[in-house]
Amino acid sequence: MKKVLVLHGVNLNMFGKRDPAQYGTIILKEIDEKLQNLASELGFAAESFQTNHEGEMVEKIHRAHEENVDAVVINAGAWTHYSYAVMDALGILRVPIIEVHMSHVHAREKFRHHSVIAPLAKGQITGFGVNSYLLGLRAAWDLIKDSD
């Protein structure tokens, strides 16, 4: 069975508590449930992983390479803007990477406009709340199907 890894970065475990004007009130567990339901509906597996520790994120990406994950959907949180370690780890992968953000990062503070992950990603989906994740998962699935 095909598998998509969904990575949630730093502070994203605080969805529902952190800045509801930007991120809404949905919590990470509910996002992951929606992702699982969509993956099941479309006929593939989705695994979600969240950490606030950059090294753990890098190690999870390394394992994704070893486990032959078929695609990655990532919201790296603040690491998006500066983590060359996460970027380098993602660069090892030879599968589609979709970058997602709940808020519209290009309409926010200037530092959020730059992504070190974007050059590695097939695309970026921002500003649609939880639907950014769901659209990202659908995009990953379409890319997997197209490559078969």
C-alpha atoms as a PDB file:
ATOM      1  CA  MET A   1       0.000   0.000   0.000  1.00  0.00           C
ATOM      2  CA  LYS A   2       1.254   3.486  -0.858  1.00  0.00           C
ATOM      3  CA  LYS A   3       2.138   5.724   2.093  1.00  0.00           C
ATOM      4  CA  VAL A   4       2.304   9.489   2.595  1.00  0.00           C
ATOM      5  CA  LEU A   5       4.143  10.910   5.584  1.00  0.00           C
ATOM      6  CA  VAL A   6       2.642  14.100   7.040  1.00  0.00           C
ATOM      7  CA  LEU A   7       5.144  16.090   9.073  1.00  0.00           C
ATOM      8  CA  HIS A   8       4.099  18.763  11.565  1.00  0.00           C
ATOM      9  CA  GLY A   9       6.905  20.958  12.843  1.00  0.00           C
ATOM     10  CA  VAL A  10       7.674  23.094  15.821  1.00  0.00           C
ATOM     11  CA  ASN A  11       4.760  24.516  17.885  1.00  0.00           C
ATOM     12  CA  LEU A  12       2.114  22.878  15.705  1.00  0.00           C
ATOM     13  CA  ASN A  13       1.032  20.712  18.633  1.00  0.00           C
ATOM     14  CA  MET A  14      -0.441  23.987  19.918  1.00  0.00           C
ATOM     15  CA  PHE A  15      -3.032  24.334  17.144  1.00  0.00           C
ATOM     16  CA  GLY A  16      -6.314  25.278  18.780  1.00  0.00           C
ATOM     17  CA  LYS A  17      -4.535  27.258  21.487  1.00  0.00           C
ATOM     18  CA  ARG A  18      -2.076  29.369  19.514  1.00  0.00           C
ATOM     19  CA  ASP A  19      -3.365  32.437  17.664  1.00  0.00           C
ATOM     20  CA  PRO A  20      -6.855  31.244  16.639  1.00  0.00           C
ATOM     21  CA  ALA A  21      -7.182  34.275  14.322  1.00  0.00           C
ATOM     22  CA  GLN A  22      -4.449  32.758  12.128  1.00  0.00           C
ATOM     23  CA  TYR A  23      -4.909  29.035  12.737  1.00  0.00           C
ATOM     24  CA  GLY A  24      -8.517  28.568  13.828  1.00  0.00           C
ATOM     25  CA  THR A  25      -9.572  26.395  16.743  1.00  0.00           C
ATOM     26  CA  ILE A  26      -8.970  22.937  15.298  1.00  0.00           C
ATOM     27  CA  ILE A  27      -6.431  20.887  17.247  1.00  0.00           C
ATOM     28  CA  LEU A  28      -3.687  18.727  15.773  1.00  0.00           C
ATOM     29  CA  LYS A  29      -5.430  15.481  16.711  1.00  0.00           C
ATOM     30  CA  GLU A  30      -8.485  16.566  14.683  1.00  0.00           C
ATOM     31  CA  ILE A  31      -6.276  17.507  11.718  1.00  0.00           C
ATOM     32  CA  ASP A  32      -4.633  14.091  11.848  1.00  0.00           C
ATOM     33  CA  GLU A  33      -8.049  12.374  12.005  1.00  0.00           C
ATOM     34  CA  LYS A  34      -9.180  14.276   8.912  1.00  0.00           C
ATOM     35  CA  LEU A  35      -5.962  13.280   7.127  1.00  0.00           C
ATOM     36  CA  GLN A  36      -6.438   9.621   8.077  1.00  0.00           C
ATOM     37  CA  ASN A  37     -10.046   9.674   6.864  1.00  0.00           C
ATOM     38  CA  LEU A  38      -9.095  11.222   3.527  1.00  0.00           C
ATOM     39  CA  ALA A  39      -6.213   8.787   2.970  1.00  0.00           C
ATOM     40  CA  SER A  40      -8.495   5.863   3.751  1.00  0.00           C
ATOM     41  CA  GLU A  41     -11.149   7.206   1.376  1.00  0.00           C
ATOM     42  CA  LEU A  42      -8.575   7.559  -1.419  1.00  0.00           C
ATOM     43  CA  GLY A  43      -7.005   4.158  -0.756  1.00  0.00           C
ATOM     44  CA  PHE A  44      -3.571   4.802   0.719  1.00  0.00           C
ATOM     45  CA  ALA A  45      -1.966   5.097   4.158  1.00  0.00           C
ATOM     46  CA  ALA A  46      -1.058   8.367   5.853  1.00  0.00           C
ATOM     47  CA  GLU A  47       1.235   8.599   8.843  1.00  0.00           C
ATOM     48  CA  SER A  48       1.417  11.807  10.873  1.00  0.00           C
ATOM     49  CA  PHE A  49       4.362  12.912  12.990  1.00  0.00           C
ATOM     50  CA  GLN A  50       4.865  16.049  15.086  1.00  0.00           C
ATOM     51  CA  THR A  51       7.877  17.193  17.059  1.00  0.00           C
ATOM     52  CA  ASN A  52       9.292  20.345  18.588  1.00  0.00           C
ATOM     53  CA  HIS A  53      12.830  18.986  18.288  1.00  0.00           C
ATOM     54  CA  GLU A  54      14.654  19.666  15.041  1.00  0.00           C
ATOM     55  CA  GLY A  55      16.901  16.600  15.329  1.00  0.00           C
ATOM     56  CA  GLU A  56      13.875  14.334  15.781  1.00  0.00           C
ATOM     57  CA  MET A  57      12.339  15.810  12.631  1.00  0.00           C
ATOM     58  CA  VAL A  58      15.552  15.187  10.695  1.00  0.00           C
ATOM     59  CA  GLU A  59      15.723  11.603  11.955  1.00  0.00           C
ATOM     60  CA  LYS A  60      12.085  10.987  10.982  1.00  0.00           C
ATOM     61  CA  ILE A  61      12.853  12.233   7.471  1.00  0.00           C
ATOM     62  CA  HIS A  62      15.881   9.914   7.316  1.00  0.00           C
ATOM     63  CA  ARG A  63      13.638   6.989   8.319  1.00  0.00           C
ATOM     64  CA  ALA A  64      11.149   8.017   5.620  1.00  0.00           C
ATOM     65  CA  HIS A  65      13.943   7.556   3.086  1.00  0.00           C
ATOM     66  CA  GLU A  66      14.843   4.134   4.494  1.00  0.00           C
ATOM     67  CA  GLU A  67      11.179   3.044   4.633  1.00  0.00           C
ATOM     68  CA  ASN A  68      10.491   4.101   1.022  1.00  0.00           C
ATOM     69  CA  VAL A  69       7.672   6.509   1.844  1.00  0.00           C
ATOM     70  CA  ASP A  70       5.921   7.508  -1.387  1.00  0.00           C
ATOM     71  CA  ALA A  71       5.425  11.237  -0.651  1.00  0.00           C
ATOM     72  CA  VAL A  72       5.775  13.803   2.126  1.00  0.00           C
ATOM     73  CA  VAL A  73       3.418  16.597   3.140  1.00  0.00           C
ATOM     74  CA  ILE A  74       5.154  19.026   5.485  1.00  0.00           C
ATOM     75  CA  ASN A  75       4.229  22.013   7.581  1.00  0.00           C
ATOM     76  CA  ALA A  76       7.555  22.730   9.225  1.00  0.00           C
ATOM     77  CA  GLY A  77       6.224  25.671  11.235  1.00  0.00           C
ATOM     78  CA  ALA A  78       8.961  28.209  11.960  1.00  0.00           C
ATOM     79  CA  TRP A  79      11.603  25.781  10.657  1.00  0.00           C
ATOM     80  CA  THR A  80      10.233  26.589   7.211  1.00  0.00           C
ATOM     81  CA  HIS A  81      12.086  29.884   7.273  1.00  0.00           C
ATOM     82  CA  TYR A  82      15.524  28.877   8.523  1.00  0.00           C
ATOM     83  CA  SER A  83      16.134  25.159   9.096  1.00  0.00           C
ATOM     84  CA  TYR A  84      18.812  24.077   6.683  1.00  0.00           C
ATOM     85  CA  ALA A  85      18.976  20.805   8.628  1.00  0.00           C
ATOM     86  CA  VAL A  86      15.341  19.988   7.750  1.00  0.00           C
ATOM     87  CA  MET A  87      15.912  21.211   4.198  1.00  0.00           C
ATOM     88  CA  ASP A  88      19.009  19.033   3.765  1.00  0.00           C
ATOM     89  CA  ALA A  89      17.189  15.990   5.157  1.00  0.00           C
ATOM     90  CA  LEU A  90      14.276  16.539   2.767  1.00  0.00           C
ATOM     91  CA  GLY A  91      16.796  16.863  -0.065  1.00  0.00           C
ATOM     92  CA  ILE A  92      17.757  13.218   0.462  1.00  0.00           C
ATOM     93  CA  LEU A  93      14.249  12.087  -0.484  1.00  0.00           C
ATOM     94  CA  ARG A  94      13.415  11.172  -4.068  1.00  0.00           C
ATOM     95  CA  VAL A  95       9.652  11.471  -3.633  1.00  0.00           C
ATOM     96  CA  PRO A  96       7.199  14.351  -4.027  1.00  0.00           C
ATOM     97  CA  ILE A  97       7.237  16.893  -1.202  1.00  0.00           C
ATOM     98  CA  ILE A  98       4.269  19.200  -0.684  1.00  0.00           C
ATOM     99  CA  GLU A  99       4.685  22.202   1.623  1.00  0.00           C
ATOM    100  CA  VAL A 100       1.556  23.331   3.474  1.00  0.00           C
ATOM    101  CA  HIS A 101       0.667  26.114   5.895  1.00  0.00           C
ATOM    102  CA  MET A 102      -2.647  26.776   7.624  1.00  0.00           C
ATOM    103  CA  SER A 103      -2.183  30.564   7.489  1.00  0.00           C
ATOM    104  CA  HIS A 104      -1.473  32.636   4.395  1.00  0.00           C
ATOM    105  CA  VAL A 105       2.233  33.101   5.126  1.00  0.00           C
ATOM    106  CA  HIS A 106       2.735  35.599   2.280  1.00  0.00           C
ATOM    107  CA  ALA A 107       0.178  37.950   3.841  1.00  0.00           C
ATOM    108  CA  ARG A 108       1.937  37.881   7.218  1.00  0.00           C
ATOM    109  CA  GLU A 109       5.240  39.152   8.604  1.00  0.00           C
ATOM    110  CA  LYS A 110       8.029  39.516   6.042  1.00  0.00           C
ATOM    111  CA  PHE A 111      10.215  36.781   7.596  1.00  0.00           C
ATOM    112  CA  ARG A 112       7.427  34.264   6.864  1.00  0.00           C
ATOM    113  CA  HIS A 113       7.593  34.982   3.124  1.00  0.00           C
ATOM    114  CA  HIS A 114      10.804  32.963   2.681  1.00  0.00           C
ATOM    115  CA  SER A 115      10.841  29.170   2.761  1.00  0.00           C
ATOM    116  CA  VAL A 116      14.036  27.128   2.630  1.00  0.00           C
ATOM    117  CA  ILE A 117      11.818  24.110   1.857  1.00  0.00           C
ATOM    118  CA  ALA A 118      10.030  25.586  -1.168  1.00  0.00           C
ATOM    119  CA  PRO A 119      12.820  24.851  -3.696  1.00  0.00           C
ATOM    120  CA  LEU A 120      12.501  21.134  -2.855  1.00  0.00           C
ATOM    121  CA  ALA A 121       8.703  21.046  -2.926  1.00  0.00           C
ATOM    122  CA  LYS A 122       6.509  20.220  -5.906  1.00  0.00           C
ATOM    123  CA  GLY A 123       4.213  22.950  -4.615  1.00  0.00           C
ATOM    124  CA  GLN A 124       3.107  25.044  -1.681  1.00  0.00           C
ATOM    125  CA  ILE A 125      -0.440  25.379  -0.333  1.00  0.00           C
ATOM    126  CA  THR A 126      -1.083  28.188   2.135  1.00  0.00           C
ATOM    127  CA  GLY A 127      -3.929  30.043   3.740  1.00  0.00           C
ATOM    128  CA  PHE A 128      -6.756  27.499   3.708  1.00  0.00           C
ATOM    129  CA  GLY A 129      -6.648  26.365   7.332  1.00  0.00           C
ATOM    130  CA  VAL A 130      -7.025  22.619   7.732  1.00  0.00           C
ATOM    131  CA  ASN A 131      -7.906  22.417   4.043  1.00  0.00           C
ATOM    132  CA  SER A 132      -4.270  23.282   3.248  1.00  0.00           C
ATOM    133  CA  TYR A 133      -3.353  19.900   4.723  1.00  0.00           C
ATOM    134  CA  LEU A 134      -6.160  18.086   2.911  1.00  0.00           C
ATOM    135  CA  LEU A 135      -5.316  19.729  -0.415  1.00  0.00           C
ATOM    136  CA  GLY A 136      -1.658  18.862   0.177  1.00  0.00           C
ATOM    137  CA  LEU A 137      -2.537  15.235   0.832  1.00  0.00           C
ATOM    138  CA  ARG A 138      -4.644  15.103  -2.339  1.00  0.00           C
ATOM    139  CA  ALA A 139      -1.800  16.681  -4.329  1.00  0.00           C
ATOM    140  CA  ALA A 140       0.665  14.127  -2.946  1.00  0.00           C
ATOM    141  CA  TRP A 141      -1.671  11.287  -3.879  1.00  0.00           C
ATOM    142  CA  ASP A 142      -2.146  12.641  -7.407  1.00  0.00           C
ATOM    143  CA  LEU A 143       1.636  12.850  -7.849  1.00  0.00           C
ATOM    144  CA  ILE A 144       2.062   9.275  -6.611  1.00  0.00           C
ATOM    145  CA  LYS A 145      -0.625   7.998  -9.004  1.00  0.00           C
ATOM    146  CA  ASP A 146       0.850   9.939 -11.926  1.00  0.00           C
ATOM    147  CA  SER A 147       4.284   8.384 -11.336  1.00  0.00           C
ATOM    148  CA  ASP A 148       2.957   4.795 -11.439  1.00  0.00           C
END
